[in-house]
Amino acid sequence: MTDPDWQKTLEGWVRHHADAVFAYLFRMTGSASVAEDLAQEVFLTALQKGGQIREPERVRGWLYTVARNAYLASRRAAKTAPVVTLTEPGELPEETDRASHLDFDEERLQQALAELPPDYRVVLMMFYFEELSYREIADQLHLPLGTVMSRLSRAKSQLKSKLLGAAVIAPSVPE
């Protein structure tokens, strides 16, 4: 682990992919603190097993796979142990340079994703974030292709109805 080339490689992965991995996990979990914890697990795994990667251009996909596996493992563990979520005392929302309507849309999207059943959310994230094909998703989750297709279809339908149902139409005010 003290190889300077390996250290530079890993630092590059963190620098280039940490935000994307965190965003992916945040969309999966709906919680910044859980996403941070899982992202740390992802890069710990990268430290331990990243040297096995033969195709450096596929690192991002590999990190997404590790992130998804970490998320699924945390879901399995959560089923066996009760979880109590506490608000961290100094946690304040960060200010952003983005327009407030974009933040609102992202918030609605995150909430809608969090409301999806985990099986639907995972397939949706693999398809859109990891950009995997139906076959690749089926192979990685050990599911029939038809199951992947129906879950993705249902996930998109539910997500659309949640987002459209949450849309608020502002009343028109005469000037």
C-alpha atoms as a PDB file:
ATOM      1  CA  MET A   1       0.000   0.000   0.000  1.00  0.00           C
ATOM      2  CA  THR A   2       2.991   2.315   0.194  1.00  0.00           C
ATOM      3  CA  ASP A   3       3.653   2.202  -3.554  1.00  0.00           C
ATOM      4  CA  PRO A   4       3.683   5.893  -4.615  1.00  0.00           C
ATOM      5  CA  ASP A   5       2.164   5.092  -8.022  1.00  0.00           C
ATOM      6  CA  TRP A   6      -0.740   3.223  -6.404  1.00  0.00           C
ATOM      7  CA  GLN A   7      -1.249   6.086  -3.939  1.00  0.00           C
ATOM      8  CA  LYS A   8      -1.400   8.606  -6.817  1.00  0.00           C
ATOM      9  CA  THR A   9      -3.827   6.374  -8.708  1.00  0.00           C
ATOM     10  CA  LEU A  10      -6.127   6.051  -5.712  1.00  0.00           C
ATOM     11  CA  GLU A  11      -5.940   9.791  -4.995  1.00  0.00           C
ATOM     12  CA  GLY A  12      -6.912  10.416  -8.618  1.00  0.00           C
ATOM     13  CA  TRP A  13      -9.899   8.094  -8.292  1.00  0.00           C
ATOM     14  CA  VAL A  14     -11.068   9.893  -5.175  1.00  0.00           C
ATOM     15  CA  ARG A  15     -10.541  13.312  -6.751  1.00  0.00           C
ATOM     16  CA  HIS A  16     -12.362  12.410  -9.972  1.00  0.00           C
ATOM     17  CA  HIS A  17     -15.102  10.100  -8.700  1.00  0.00           C
ATOM     18  CA  ALA A  18     -15.894  10.911  -5.059  1.00  0.00           C
ATOM     19  CA  ASP A  19     -18.643  13.417  -5.896  1.00  0.00           C
ATOM     20  CA  ALA A  20     -20.292  11.060  -8.375  1.00  0.00           C
ATOM     21  CA  VAL A  21     -20.140   8.120  -5.952  1.00  0.00           C
ATOM     22  CA  PHE A  22     -21.580  10.257  -3.158  1.00  0.00           C
ATOM     23  CA  ALA A  23     -24.389  11.553  -5.420  1.00  0.00           C
ATOM     24  CA  TYR A  24     -25.188   8.006  -6.522  1.00  0.00           C
ATOM     25  CA  LEU A  25     -25.360   6.789  -2.928  1.00  0.00           C
ATOM     26  CA  PHE A  26     -27.348   9.830  -1.831  1.00  0.00           C
ATOM     27  CA  ARG A  27     -29.941   9.076  -4.508  1.00  0.00           C
ATOM     28  CA  MET A  28     -30.061   5.474  -3.274  1.00  0.00           C
ATOM     29  CA  THR A  29     -30.237   6.191   0.451  1.00  0.00           C
ATOM     30  CA  GLY A  30     -31.876   9.612   0.722  1.00  0.00           C
ATOM     31  CA  SER A  31     -29.495  10.465   3.548  1.00  0.00           C
ATOM     32  CA  ALA A  32     -26.300  12.498   3.301  1.00  0.00           C
ATOM     33  CA  SER A  33     -24.729  10.927   6.377  1.00  0.00           C
ATOM     34  CA  VAL A  34     -25.476   7.362   5.242  1.00  0.00           C
ATOM     35  CA  ALA A  35     -24.206   8.199   1.743  1.00  0.00           C
ATOM     36  CA  GLU A  36     -20.980   9.590   3.252  1.00  0.00           C
ATOM     37  CA  ASP A  37     -20.460   6.443   5.317  1.00  0.00           C
ATOM     38  CA  LEU A  38     -21.079   4.194   2.327  1.00  0.00           C
ATOM     39  CA  ALA A  39     -18.821   6.309   0.096  1.00  0.00           C
ATOM     40  CA  GLN A  40     -16.024   5.811   2.621  1.00  0.00           C
ATOM     41  CA  GLU A  41     -16.632   2.059   2.433  1.00  0.00           C
ATOM     42  CA  VAL A  42     -16.446   2.261  -1.361  1.00  0.00           C
ATOM     43  CA  PHE A  43     -13.037   3.935  -1.322  1.00  0.00           C
ATOM     44  CA  LEU A  44     -11.792   1.607   1.404  1.00  0.00           C
ATOM     45  CA  THR A  45     -12.709  -1.266  -0.909  1.00  0.00           C
ATOM     46  CA  ALA A  46     -10.941   0.594  -3.730  1.00  0.00           C
ATOM     47  CA  LEU A  47      -7.847   0.818  -1.548  1.00  0.00           C
ATOM     48  CA  GLN A  48      -7.993  -2.899  -0.786  1.00  0.00           C
ATOM     49  CA  LYS A  49      -9.062  -4.297  -4.165  1.00  0.00           C
ATOM     50  CA  GLY A  50      -8.520  -1.565  -6.729  1.00  0.00           C
ATOM     51  CA  GLY A  51      -5.198  -2.985  -7.769  1.00  0.00           C
ATOM     52  CA  GLN A  52      -7.109  -5.831  -9.422  1.00  0.00           C
ATOM     53  CA  ILE A  53      -8.622  -3.499 -12.023  1.00  0.00           C
ATOM     54  CA  ARG A  54      -7.211  -4.264 -15.455  1.00  0.00           C
ATOM     55  CA  GLU A  55      -9.061  -1.592 -17.441  1.00  0.00           C
ATOM     56  CA  PRO A  56      -8.586   1.851 -15.836  1.00  0.00           C
ATOM     57  CA  GLU A  57     -11.248   3.419 -18.086  1.00  0.00           C
ATOM     58  CA  ARG A  58     -13.857   1.256 -16.309  1.00  0.00           C
ATOM     59  CA  VAL A  59     -13.049   2.496 -12.800  1.00  0.00           C
ATOM     60  CA  ARG A  60     -16.175   4.649 -12.525  1.00  0.00           C
ATOM     61  CA  GLY A  61     -18.449   1.704 -13.342  1.00  0.00           C
ATOM     62  CA  TRP A  62     -16.554  -0.488 -10.921  1.00  0.00           C
ATOM     63  CA  LEU A  63     -16.925   2.123  -8.171  1.00  0.00           C
ATOM     64  CA  TYR A  64     -20.676   2.319  -8.864  1.00  0.00           C
ATOM     65  CA  THR A  65     -20.885  -1.463  -8.575  1.00  0.00           C
ATOM     66  CA  VAL A  66     -19.018  -1.382  -5.261  1.00  0.00           C
ATOM     67  CA  ALA A  67     -21.316   1.445  -4.101  1.00  0.00           C
ATOM     68  CA  ARG A  68     -24.443  -0.494  -5.075  1.00  0.00           C
ATOM     69  CA  ASN A  69     -23.178  -3.596  -3.292  1.00  0.00           C
ATOM     70  CA  ALA A  70     -22.390  -1.538  -0.178  1.00  0.00           C
ATOM     71  CA  TYR A  71     -25.899  -0.062  -0.293  1.00  0.00           C
ATOM     72  CA  LEU A  72     -27.540  -3.476  -0.692  1.00  0.00           C
ATOM     73  CA  ALA A  73     -25.445  -4.882   2.157  1.00  0.00           C
ATOM     74  CA  SER A  74     -26.503  -1.977   4.364  1.00  0.00           C
ATOM     75  CA  ARG A  75     -30.170  -2.648   3.462  1.00  0.00           C
ATOM     76  CA  ARG A  76     -29.795  -6.303   4.454  1.00  0.00           C
ATOM     77  CA  ALA A  77     -28.134  -5.290   7.724  1.00  0.00           C
ATOM     78  CA  ALA A  78     -30.871  -2.713   8.394  1.00  0.00           C
ATOM     79  CA  LYS A  79     -33.507  -5.442   8.204  1.00  0.00           C
ATOM     80  CA  THR A  80     -31.864  -7.251  11.107  1.00  0.00           C
ATOM     81  CA  ALA A  81     -31.134  -4.237  13.332  1.00  0.00           C
ATOM     82  CA  PRO A  82     -33.411  -1.333  14.228  1.00  0.00           C
ATOM     83  CA  VAL A  83     -32.108   2.038  13.065  1.00  0.00           C
ATOM     84  CA  VAL A  84     -32.664   5.327  14.823  1.00  0.00           C
ATOM     85  CA  THR A  85     -31.829   8.427  12.811  1.00  0.00           C
ATOM     86  CA  LEU A  86     -30.732  11.450  14.807  1.00  0.00           C
ATOM     87  CA  THR A  87     -30.227  14.924  13.463  1.00  0.00           C
ATOM     88  CA  GLU A  88     -26.645  16.003  13.847  1.00  0.00           C
ATOM     89  CA  PRO A  89     -26.449  19.144  16.006  1.00  0.00           C
ATOM     90  CA  GLY A  90     -24.368  21.367  13.722  1.00  0.00           C
ATOM     91  CA  GLU A  91     -25.784  20.160  10.434  1.00  0.00           C
ATOM     92  CA  LEU A  92     -27.027  23.066   8.353  1.00  0.00           C
ATOM     93  CA  PRO A  93     -27.982  23.014   4.704  1.00  0.00           C
ATOM     94  CA  GLU A  94     -25.169  24.181   2.474  1.00  0.00           C
ATOM     95  CA  GLU A  95     -25.716  27.232   0.347  1.00  0.00           C
ATOM     96  CA  THR A  96     -25.403  26.632  -3.349  1.00  0.00           C
ATOM     97  CA  ASP A  97     -24.899  28.821  -6.373  1.00  0.00           C
ATOM     98  CA  ARG A  98     -27.752  27.086  -8.166  1.00  0.00           C
ATOM     99  CA  ALA A  99     -31.144  28.669  -8.578  1.00  0.00           C
ATOM    100  CA  SER A 100     -33.618  27.791  -5.841  1.00  0.00           C
ATOM    101  CA  HIS A 101     -36.039  26.164  -8.276  1.00  0.00           C
ATOM    102  CA  LEU A 102     -33.331  23.693  -9.279  1.00  0.00           C
ATOM    103  CA  ASP A 103     -32.697  22.828  -5.636  1.00  0.00           C
ATOM    104  CA  PHE A 104     -36.421  22.287  -5.175  1.00  0.00           C
ATOM    105  CA  ASP A 105     -36.555  19.993  -8.193  1.00  0.00           C
ATOM    106  CA  GLU A 106     -33.591  17.999  -6.916  1.00  0.00           C
ATOM    107  CA  GLU A 107     -35.211  17.756  -3.511  1.00  0.00           C
ATOM    108  CA  ARG A 108     -38.442  16.485  -5.073  1.00  0.00           C
ATOM    109  CA  LEU A 109     -36.516  13.989  -7.168  1.00  0.00           C
ATOM    110  CA  GLN A 110     -34.604  12.727  -4.145  1.00  0.00           C
ATOM    111  CA  GLN A 111     -37.806  12.371  -2.147  1.00  0.00           C
ATOM    112  CA  ALA A 112     -39.529  10.543  -5.002  1.00  0.00           C
ATOM    113  CA  LEU A 113     -36.550   8.186  -5.386  1.00  0.00           C
ATOM    114  CA  ALA A 114     -36.533   7.506  -1.648  1.00  0.00           C
ATOM    115  CA  GLU A 115     -40.212   6.551  -1.806  1.00  0.00           C
ATOM    116  CA  LEU A 116     -39.614   3.890  -4.465  1.00  0.00           C
ATOM    117  CA  PRO A 117     -39.266   0.295  -3.276  1.00  0.00           C
ATOM    118  CA  PRO A 118     -35.556  -0.579  -2.988  1.00  0.00           C
ATOM    119  CA  ASP A 119     -35.760  -3.178  -5.790  1.00  0.00           C
ATOM    120  CA  TYR A 120     -37.105  -0.551  -8.185  1.00  0.00           C
ATOM    121  CA  ARG A 121     -34.671   2.140  -7.034  1.00  0.00           C
ATOM    122  CA  VAL A 122     -31.628  -0.117  -7.526  1.00  0.00           C
ATOM    123  CA  VAL A 123     -32.612  -1.063 -11.085  1.00  0.00           C
ATOM    124  CA  LEU A 124     -33.378   2.572 -11.937  1.00  0.00           C
ATOM    125  CA  MET A 125     -30.024   3.748 -10.578  1.00  0.00           C
ATOM    126  CA  MET A 126     -28.128   1.012 -12.410  1.00  0.00           C
ATOM    127  CA  PHE A 127     -29.815   1.903 -15.694  1.00  0.00           C
ATOM    128  CA  TYR A 128     -29.499   5.698 -15.504  1.00  0.00           C
ATOM    129  CA  PHE A 129     -26.443   6.316 -13.317  1.00  0.00           C
ATOM    130  CA  GLU A 130     -24.314   3.311 -14.151  1.00  0.00           C
ATOM    131  CA  GLU A 131     -25.629   3.287 -17.728  1.00  0.00           C
ATOM    132  CA  LEU A 132     -25.906  -0.495 -17.728  1.00  0.00           C
ATOM    133  CA  SER A 133     -27.992  -2.392 -20.255  1.00  0.00           C
ATOM    134  CA  TYR A 134     -30.935  -4.560 -19.233  1.00  0.00           C
ATOM    135  CA  ARG A 135     -28.784  -7.651 -19.749  1.00  0.00           C
ATOM    136  CA  GLU A 136     -25.926  -6.270 -17.611  1.00  0.00           C
ATOM    137  CA  ILE A 137     -28.364  -5.413 -14.816  1.00  0.00           C
ATOM    138  CA  ALA A 138     -29.943  -8.862 -15.027  1.00  0.00           C
ATOM    139  CA  ASP A 139     -26.523 -10.519 -14.882  1.00  0.00           C
ATOM    140  CA  GLN A 140     -25.292  -8.455 -11.937  1.00  0.00           C
ATOM    141  CA  LEU A 141     -28.473  -8.870  -9.885  1.00  0.00           C
ATOM    142  CA  HIS A 142     -28.964 -12.519 -10.936  1.00  0.00           C
ATOM    143  CA  LEU A 143     -32.476 -11.790 -12.204  1.00  0.00           C
ATOM    144  CA  PRO A 144     -34.324 -12.792 -15.368  1.00  0.00           C
ATOM    145  CA  LEU A 145     -34.222 -10.159 -18.110  1.00  0.00           C
ATOM    146  CA  GLY A 146     -38.017  -9.788 -18.016  1.00  0.00           C
ATOM    147  CA  THR A 147     -37.920  -9.017 -14.299  1.00  0.00           C
ATOM    148  CA  VAL A 148     -35.391  -6.255 -14.879  1.00  0.00           C
ATOM    149  CA  MET A 149     -37.488  -4.811 -17.685  1.00  0.00           C
ATOM    150  CA  SER A 150     -40.701  -4.855 -15.644  1.00  0.00           C
ATOM    151  CA  ARG A 151     -39.021  -3.396 -12.547  1.00  0.00           C
ATOM    152  CA  LEU A 152     -37.494  -0.607 -14.597  1.00  0.00           C
ATOM    153  CA  SER A 153     -40.813   0.108 -16.287  1.00  0.00           C
ATOM    154  CA  ARG A 154     -42.659   0.168 -12.955  1.00  0.00           C
ATOM    155  CA  ALA A 155     -39.932   2.273 -11.358  1.00  0.00           C
ATOM    156  CA  LYS A 156     -40.116   4.873 -14.124  1.00  0.00           C
ATOM    157  CA  SER A 157     -43.903   4.899 -13.948  1.00  0.00           C
ATOM    158  CA  GLN A 158     -43.954   5.300 -10.163  1.00  0.00           C
ATOM    159  CA  LEU A 159     -41.248   7.963 -10.272  1.00  0.00           C
ATOM    160  CA  LYS A 160     -43.139   9.899 -12.918  1.00  0.00           C
ATOM    161  CA  SER A 161     -46.405   9.772 -10.988  1.00  0.00           C
ATOM    162  CA  LYS A 162     -44.669  10.821  -7.757  1.00  0.00           C
ATOM    163  CA  LEU A 163     -42.992  13.757  -9.486  1.00  0.00           C
ATOM    164  CA  LEU A 164     -46.111  14.839 -11.348  1.00  0.00           C
ATOM    165  CA  GLY A 165     -48.245  14.346  -8.253  1.00  0.00           C
ATOM    166  CA  ALA A 166     -45.870  16.531  -6.257  1.00  0.00           C
ATOM    167  CA  ALA A 167     -45.887  19.313  -8.838  1.00  0.00           C
ATOM    168  CA  VAL A 168     -47.487  22.453  -7.556  1.00  0.00           C
ATOM    169  CA  ILE A 169     -49.160  24.748 -10.026  1.00  0.00           C
ATOM    170  CA  ALA A 170     -48.823  28.370  -9.006  1.00  0.00           C
ATOM    171  CA  PRO A 171     -52.077  30.341  -9.299  1.00  0.00           C
ATOM    172  CA  SER A 172     -52.009  33.065 -11.912  1.00  0.00           C
ATOM    173  CA  VAL A 173     -52.107  36.520 -10.425  1.00  0.00           C
ATOM    174  CA  PRO A 174     -53.404  39.403 -12.563  1.00  0.00           C
ATOM    175  CA  GLU A 175     -50.931  42.242 -12.812  1.00  0.00           C
END
